Protein backbone atom coordinates (compact mmCIF):
# COMPACT_ATOMS: atom_id res chain seq x y z
CA MET A 1 -9.53 -23.81 -14.51
CA SER A 2 -10.65 -20.70 -16.21
CA ASP A 3 -8.67 -19.18 -18.79
CA PRO A 4 -7.11 -15.77 -17.23
CA ALA A 5 -8.33 -12.47 -18.58
CA VAL A 6 -5.83 -10.76 -20.85
CA PRO A 7 -4.64 -7.50 -19.53
CA LEU A 8 -5.68 -4.70 -21.72
CA GLY A 9 -5.43 -0.83 -22.11
CA LEU A 10 -8.39 1.66 -21.78
CA LEU A 11 -9.60 1.58 -25.38
CA GLU A 12 -9.21 -2.26 -25.55
CA ASN A 13 -11.01 -2.70 -22.39
CA CYS A 14 -13.79 -0.30 -23.51
CA TRP A 15 -14.03 -2.32 -26.72
CA ARG A 16 -14.07 -5.46 -24.96
CA ASP A 17 -16.77 -4.33 -22.51
CA LEU A 18 -18.81 -2.92 -25.31
CA VAL A 19 -18.82 -6.36 -27.09
CA LEU A 20 -19.47 -8.21 -24.01
CA GLY A 21 -22.56 -5.66 -23.55
CA VAL A 22 -24.08 -6.47 -27.01
CA ILE A 23 -23.62 -10.36 -26.28
CA GLN A 24 -25.24 -9.89 -23.03
CA GLY A 25 -27.98 -7.81 -24.20
CA LEU A 26 -28.67 -10.44 -27.14
CA THR A 27 -28.43 -13.62 -24.93
CA GLU A 28 -29.84 -12.63 -21.58
CA PHE A 29 -33.54 -12.68 -22.53
CA LEU A 30 -33.16 -15.13 -25.54
CA PRO A 31 -33.21 -18.81 -24.30
CA ILE A 32 -29.57 -19.55 -25.47
CA SER A 33 -27.63 -18.61 -22.21
CA SER A 34 -25.83 -15.39 -21.86
CA THR A 35 -23.38 -17.03 -19.39
CA ALA A 36 -22.30 -19.49 -22.08
CA HIS A 37 -21.70 -16.77 -24.69
CA LEU A 38 -20.01 -14.30 -22.39
CA LYS A 39 -17.69 -17.16 -21.53
CA ALA A 40 -16.98 -18.81 -24.75
CA VAL A 41 -16.82 -15.88 -27.21
CA PRO A 42 -14.04 -13.77 -25.18
CA VAL A 43 -12.14 -16.94 -24.90
CA MET A 44 -12.45 -17.81 -28.67
CA LEU A 45 -11.23 -14.02 -29.43
CA GLY A 46 -8.32 -14.55 -27.10
CA TRP A 47 -9.51 -12.08 -24.25
CA GLY A 48 -9.69 -14.91 -21.76
CA ASP A 49 -12.53 -15.47 -19.47
CA PRO A 50 -13.98 -12.10 -18.01
CA GLY A 51 -14.98 -13.72 -14.80
CA VAL A 52 -18.29 -13.76 -12.97
CA SER A 53 -17.93 -10.43 -11.25
CA VAL A 54 -17.89 -8.73 -14.69
CA THR A 55 -20.41 -10.54 -16.58
CA ALA A 56 -22.75 -10.14 -13.56
CA THR A 57 -22.19 -6.52 -13.41
CA ILE A 58 -22.78 -5.89 -16.94
CA GLN A 59 -25.96 -7.82 -16.41
CA LEU A 60 -27.26 -4.69 -14.79
CA GLY A 61 -27.71 -3.11 -18.31
CA SER A 62 -30.41 -5.80 -19.06
CA ILE A 63 -32.16 -5.24 -15.77
CA VAL A 64 -32.44 -1.40 -16.81
CA ALA A 65 -33.92 -2.44 -19.94
CA VAL A 66 -36.40 -4.87 -18.81
CA ILE A 67 -37.51 -2.49 -15.84
CA ALA A 68 -37.92 0.15 -18.43
CA TYR A 69 -39.59 -2.12 -21.00
CA PHE A 70 -42.11 -3.55 -18.30
CA ARG A 71 -42.40 -0.40 -16.15
CA SER A 72 -46.30 -0.13 -16.50
CA ASP A 73 -46.57 -3.71 -15.56
CA LEU A 74 -44.37 -3.48 -12.52
CA VAL A 75 -46.40 -0.41 -11.37
CA GLN A 76 -49.53 -2.24 -11.55
CA VAL A 77 -47.95 -5.01 -9.55
CA LEU A 78 -46.79 -2.84 -6.80
CA LYS A 79 -50.19 -1.09 -6.63
CA GLY A 80 -51.93 -4.50 -6.74
CA PHE A 81 -49.69 -5.74 -3.98
CA SER A 82 -50.20 -2.55 -1.68
CA LYS A 83 -53.96 -2.91 -2.23
CA ALA A 84 -53.83 -6.53 -1.22
CA LEU A 85 -51.73 -5.70 1.86
CA ARG A 86 -54.41 -3.04 3.05
CA HIS A 87 -57.70 -4.53 1.77
CA GLY A 88 -56.88 -8.30 1.75
CA GLN A 89 -57.58 -8.45 -1.99
CA TRP A 90 -54.96 -11.32 -2.72
CA ARG A 91 -57.20 -12.83 -5.69
CA GLU A 92 -56.50 -9.88 -8.15
CA PRO A 93 -54.31 -10.58 -11.07
CA GLU A 94 -51.69 -8.14 -10.07
CA ALA A 95 -51.46 -9.17 -6.58
CA ARG A 96 -51.09 -12.80 -7.55
CA LEU A 97 -48.32 -11.64 -10.07
CA GLY A 98 -46.54 -10.06 -7.31
CA ILE A 99 -46.63 -13.23 -5.04
CA ALA A 100 -45.70 -15.34 -7.86
CA MET A 101 -42.67 -13.12 -8.54
CA ALA A 102 -41.55 -12.94 -5.06
CA LEU A 103 -41.98 -16.94 -4.44
CA GLY A 104 -40.16 -17.62 -7.66
CA THR A 105 -37.18 -15.52 -6.61
CA VAL A 106 -36.74 -17.20 -3.27
CA PRO A 107 -35.08 -20.41 -4.60
CA ILE A 108 -32.22 -18.96 -6.50
CA LEU A 109 -31.44 -16.17 -3.79
CA VAL A 110 -31.09 -19.08 -1.48
CA ILE A 111 -28.77 -21.31 -3.61
CA GLY A 112 -27.03 -18.28 -4.87
CA LEU A 113 -26.26 -16.96 -1.37
CA ALA A 114 -25.13 -20.29 -0.39
CA ILE A 115 -22.67 -20.65 -3.32
CA LYS A 116 -21.37 -16.71 -2.63
CA LEU A 117 -20.69 -17.69 1.16
CA PHE A 118 -19.20 -21.28 0.80
CA TRP A 119 -18.07 -21.76 -2.79
CA ASP A 120 -17.27 -18.63 -4.33
CA GLU A 121 -13.67 -19.28 -5.35
CA GLY A 122 -14.53 -22.80 -6.44
CA TYR A 123 -17.33 -21.66 -8.36
CA GLU A 124 -15.42 -19.10 -10.34
CA ASN A 125 -12.82 -21.95 -11.18
CA SER A 126 -15.37 -24.57 -11.46
CA PRO A 127 -15.29 -27.33 -14.21
CA LEU A 128 -18.76 -26.26 -14.85
CA ARG A 129 -17.47 -23.16 -16.49
CA SER A 130 -15.40 -24.94 -18.83
CA LEU A 131 -16.24 -24.85 -22.36
CA PRO A 132 -16.98 -28.61 -22.89
CA SER A 133 -19.37 -28.38 -19.79
CA ILE A 134 -21.14 -25.40 -20.97
CA ALA A 135 -21.49 -27.12 -24.60
CA ILE A 136 -22.90 -30.22 -23.10
CA VAL A 137 -25.34 -28.32 -21.02
CA SER A 138 -26.39 -26.20 -24.05
CA ILE A 139 -27.14 -29.41 -25.83
CA VAL A 140 -29.15 -30.88 -22.93
CA MET A 141 -31.24 -27.76 -22.66
CA ALA A 142 -32.05 -27.63 -26.16
CA LEU A 143 -33.42 -31.09 -26.02
CA LEU A 144 -35.50 -30.13 -22.97
CA LEU A 145 -36.84 -27.05 -24.77
CA ALA A 146 -37.62 -29.22 -27.89
CA LEU A 147 -39.70 -31.45 -25.37
CA ALA A 148 -41.47 -28.64 -24.00
CA GLU A 149 -42.31 -27.41 -27.24
CA GLN A 150 -43.68 -30.60 -28.32
CA ILE A 151 -45.68 -31.61 -25.33
CA GLY A 152 -46.66 -28.42 -23.87
CA PRO A 153 -50.47 -27.67 -24.03
CA ARG A 154 -50.05 -23.92 -24.25
CA LEU A 155 -53.28 -22.98 -22.29
CA LYS A 156 -52.21 -20.66 -19.43
CA ARG A 157 -52.16 -16.92 -19.35
CA LEU A 158 -50.22 -14.42 -17.38
CA SER A 159 -53.43 -13.03 -16.11
CA ALA A 160 -54.20 -16.53 -14.41
CA VAL A 161 -50.96 -17.01 -12.68
CA SER A 162 -50.79 -18.37 -9.40
CA ALA A 163 -48.38 -18.70 -6.28
CA ARG A 164 -47.73 -22.26 -7.42
CA ASP A 165 -46.92 -21.26 -11.13
CA GLY A 166 -44.21 -18.74 -9.54
CA LEU A 167 -42.77 -21.58 -7.44
CA VAL A 168 -42.43 -24.05 -10.33
CA VAL A 169 -40.78 -21.68 -12.80
CA GLY A 170 -38.64 -20.24 -9.76
CA LEU A 171 -37.29 -23.74 -9.18
CA ALA A 172 -36.43 -24.08 -12.70
CA GLN A 173 -34.60 -20.66 -12.44
CA VAL A 174 -32.08 -22.16 -9.97
CA LEU A 175 -30.80 -24.36 -12.88
CA ALA A 176 -29.43 -21.15 -14.46
CA LEU A 177 -26.61 -21.09 -11.76
CA ILE A 178 -25.19 -23.83 -13.90
CA PRO A 179 -23.30 -22.19 -16.79
CA GLY A 180 -24.77 -22.86 -20.03
CA VAL A 181 -28.26 -23.48 -18.68
CA SER A 182 -29.81 -20.03 -19.60
CA ARG A 183 -32.05 -18.28 -16.97
CA SER A 184 -34.48 -17.35 -19.64
CA GLY A 185 -34.24 -20.93 -21.31
CA SER A 186 -34.95 -22.77 -18.04
CA THR A 187 -37.56 -20.84 -17.00
CA LEU A 188 -39.18 -20.77 -20.67
CA THR A 189 -38.81 -24.44 -20.90
CA ALA A 190 -40.47 -24.92 -17.41
CA ALA A 191 -43.32 -22.62 -18.10
CA LEU A 192 -44.17 -24.37 -21.49
CA LEU A 193 -43.99 -27.65 -19.86
CA ASP A 194 -46.35 -26.33 -17.28
CA GLY A 195 -48.94 -25.46 -19.87
CA TRP A 196 -48.25 -21.75 -20.65
CA GLN A 197 -48.57 -19.97 -23.81
CA ARG A 198 -45.45 -19.25 -25.18
CA SER A 199 -45.69 -15.21 -25.26
CA ASP A 200 -46.97 -15.11 -21.63
CA ALA A 201 -44.31 -17.76 -20.52
CA ALA A 202 -41.73 -15.26 -21.83
CA ARG A 203 -43.29 -12.29 -20.34
CA PHE A 204 -43.36 -13.98 -16.82
CA SER A 205 -39.63 -15.18 -17.40
CA PHE A 206 -38.57 -11.61 -17.90
CA LEU A 207 -40.54 -10.08 -14.98
CA LEU A 208 -39.18 -13.08 -12.76
CA GLY A 209 -35.61 -12.24 -13.91
CA ILE A 210 -35.74 -8.55 -12.43
CA PRO A 211 -34.99 -9.33 -8.79
CA ALA A 212 -32.38 -12.30 -9.40
CA ILE A 213 -30.50 -10.56 -11.83
CA SER A 214 -30.42 -7.15 -10.01
CA ILE A 215 -29.24 -8.64 -6.85
CA ALA A 216 -26.49 -10.65 -8.61
CA GLY A 217 -25.10 -7.62 -10.45
CA VAL A 218 -25.22 -5.34 -7.18
CA VAL A 219 -23.58 -8.21 -5.23
CA GLU A 220 -20.62 -8.56 -7.87
CA LEU A 221 -20.48 -4.69 -8.59
CA LYS A 222 -17.54 -4.05 -6.03
CA ASP A 223 -15.57 -6.95 -7.20
CA ALA A 224 -16.18 -6.07 -10.84
CA PHE A 225 -14.82 -2.57 -10.41
CA ALA A 226 -11.86 -3.98 -8.59
CA ALA A 227 -10.97 -6.24 -11.27
CA SER A 228 -10.97 -3.40 -13.96
CA SER A 229 -9.42 -0.63 -11.59
CA GLU A 230 -6.55 -0.03 -13.79
CA ALA A 231 -8.76 0.98 -16.66
CA GLY A 232 -11.31 2.72 -14.48
CA PRO A 233 -14.99 2.45 -14.40
CA LEU A 234 -15.45 3.65 -17.99
CA PRO A 235 -15.17 0.19 -19.81
CA LEU A 236 -17.71 -1.52 -17.28
CA LEU A 237 -20.11 1.60 -17.98
CA VAL A 238 -19.81 1.10 -21.71
CA GLY A 239 -20.69 -2.72 -21.13
CA ILE A 240 -23.81 -1.82 -19.02
CA LEU A 241 -25.00 0.91 -21.59
CA SER A 242 -24.70 -1.44 -24.60
CA ALA A 243 -26.26 -4.41 -22.86
CA ALA A 244 -29.12 -2.03 -21.91
CA VAL A 245 -29.79 -0.91 -25.40
CA VAL A 246 -29.48 -4.23 -26.94
CA SER A 247 -31.48 -5.90 -24.28
CA TRP A 248 -34.52 -3.61 -24.84
CA LEU A 249 -34.46 -4.48 -28.61
CA ALA A 250 -33.94 -8.32 -27.78
CA ILE A 251 -36.91 -8.26 -25.33
CA ASP A 252 -39.19 -6.31 -27.67
CA TRP A 253 -38.40 -8.77 -30.63
CA LEU A 254 -38.86 -11.90 -28.66
CA LEU A 255 -42.35 -11.08 -27.47
CA LYS A 256 -43.38 -10.30 -30.88
CA PHE A 257 -41.53 -13.40 -32.37
CA LEU A 258 -43.22 -15.77 -29.77
CA GLN A 259 -46.77 -14.44 -30.60
CA ARG A 260 -46.56 -15.88 -33.99
CA HIS A 261 -43.74 -18.41 -33.91
CA SER A 262 -42.31 -21.31 -31.79
CA THR A 263 -39.04 -21.82 -30.14
CA TRP A 264 -37.63 -24.36 -32.45
CA ILE A 265 -35.28 -21.77 -33.93
CA PHE A 266 -33.61 -21.52 -30.47
CA VAL A 267 -33.60 -25.39 -30.03
CA GLY A 268 -31.67 -25.63 -33.28
CA TYR A 269 -29.42 -22.68 -32.40
CA ARG A 270 -28.35 -24.35 -29.07
CA LEU A 271 -27.73 -27.66 -30.64
CA VAL A 272 -25.46 -26.17 -33.31
CA PHE A 273 -23.79 -23.87 -30.65
CA GLY A 274 -22.93 -26.79 -28.23
CA VAL A 275 -21.61 -28.96 -31.09
CA PHE A 276 -19.51 -25.95 -32.42
CA LEU A 277 -17.98 -25.53 -28.86
CA LEU A 278 -17.19 -29.23 -28.50
CA VAL A 279 -15.45 -29.30 -31.84
CA TRP A 280 -13.72 -25.97 -31.32
CA TRP A 281 -12.39 -27.04 -27.88
CA PHE A 282 -11.20 -30.58 -28.82
CA THR A 283 -9.58 -29.18 -32.27
CA ARG A 284 -7.67 -26.61 -30.21
CA GLY A 285 -6.93 -29.17 -27.60
CA ALA A 286 -5.58 -31.33 -30.36
CA ASN A 287 -3.35 -28.58 -31.48
């Protein structure tokens, strides 16, 4: 069972959602799992689990950031897709990128919709959202990222993306429905294993996340505002805004970082984070 959220006043709610927005912004695009941190940090601070609806809605700030950051890329994709529809030029890089993004989004939409329709309440209170589960998943994903870093040939560029590439990375994106996996982590790991260069893998991961995160945030918007009805919409707006600002900075930093460095720092962080959560959980349980 998830720890219940603690009732807070307006200022406390604004402060909580500001912190959640900063956490969301820092962790959505780094391969370390925003869901894990948005679950673990509030619980350790004594606020309880903010719930799927609140965290999914705050993710809208990350979407605003990634759309703004990649606005020129998205415009080119739309132009390329429109041109391909009119003239059949589907081999152009922009059209192929649009197809890859569309195909890559289908798996997580299908599985996510099935969860929403048939397992919504069960998912909210699932053992998968427990801290021990998140810790173990974090450690497993760290090991998979280490494997990808070690054996990935790093030859593919975004300009050569294909429909098959989009589907492969999109299938990996489905794993992000398991708390602790990390959407950016699973897609980056899959892309590296599939032979992508690091910075291009990260860039495609960001672009591929736009439809999935947007739809998830919009779907949960009503429930999130209902859950915070006593405090009004202000806290959620604070969270969305802080997530947008910090997400922009995180995207810019990660793209520049991966042009010169490997992902080993994230492997190490995920291992330490997972072990720390396990120790904290069992120590608290012992007390």
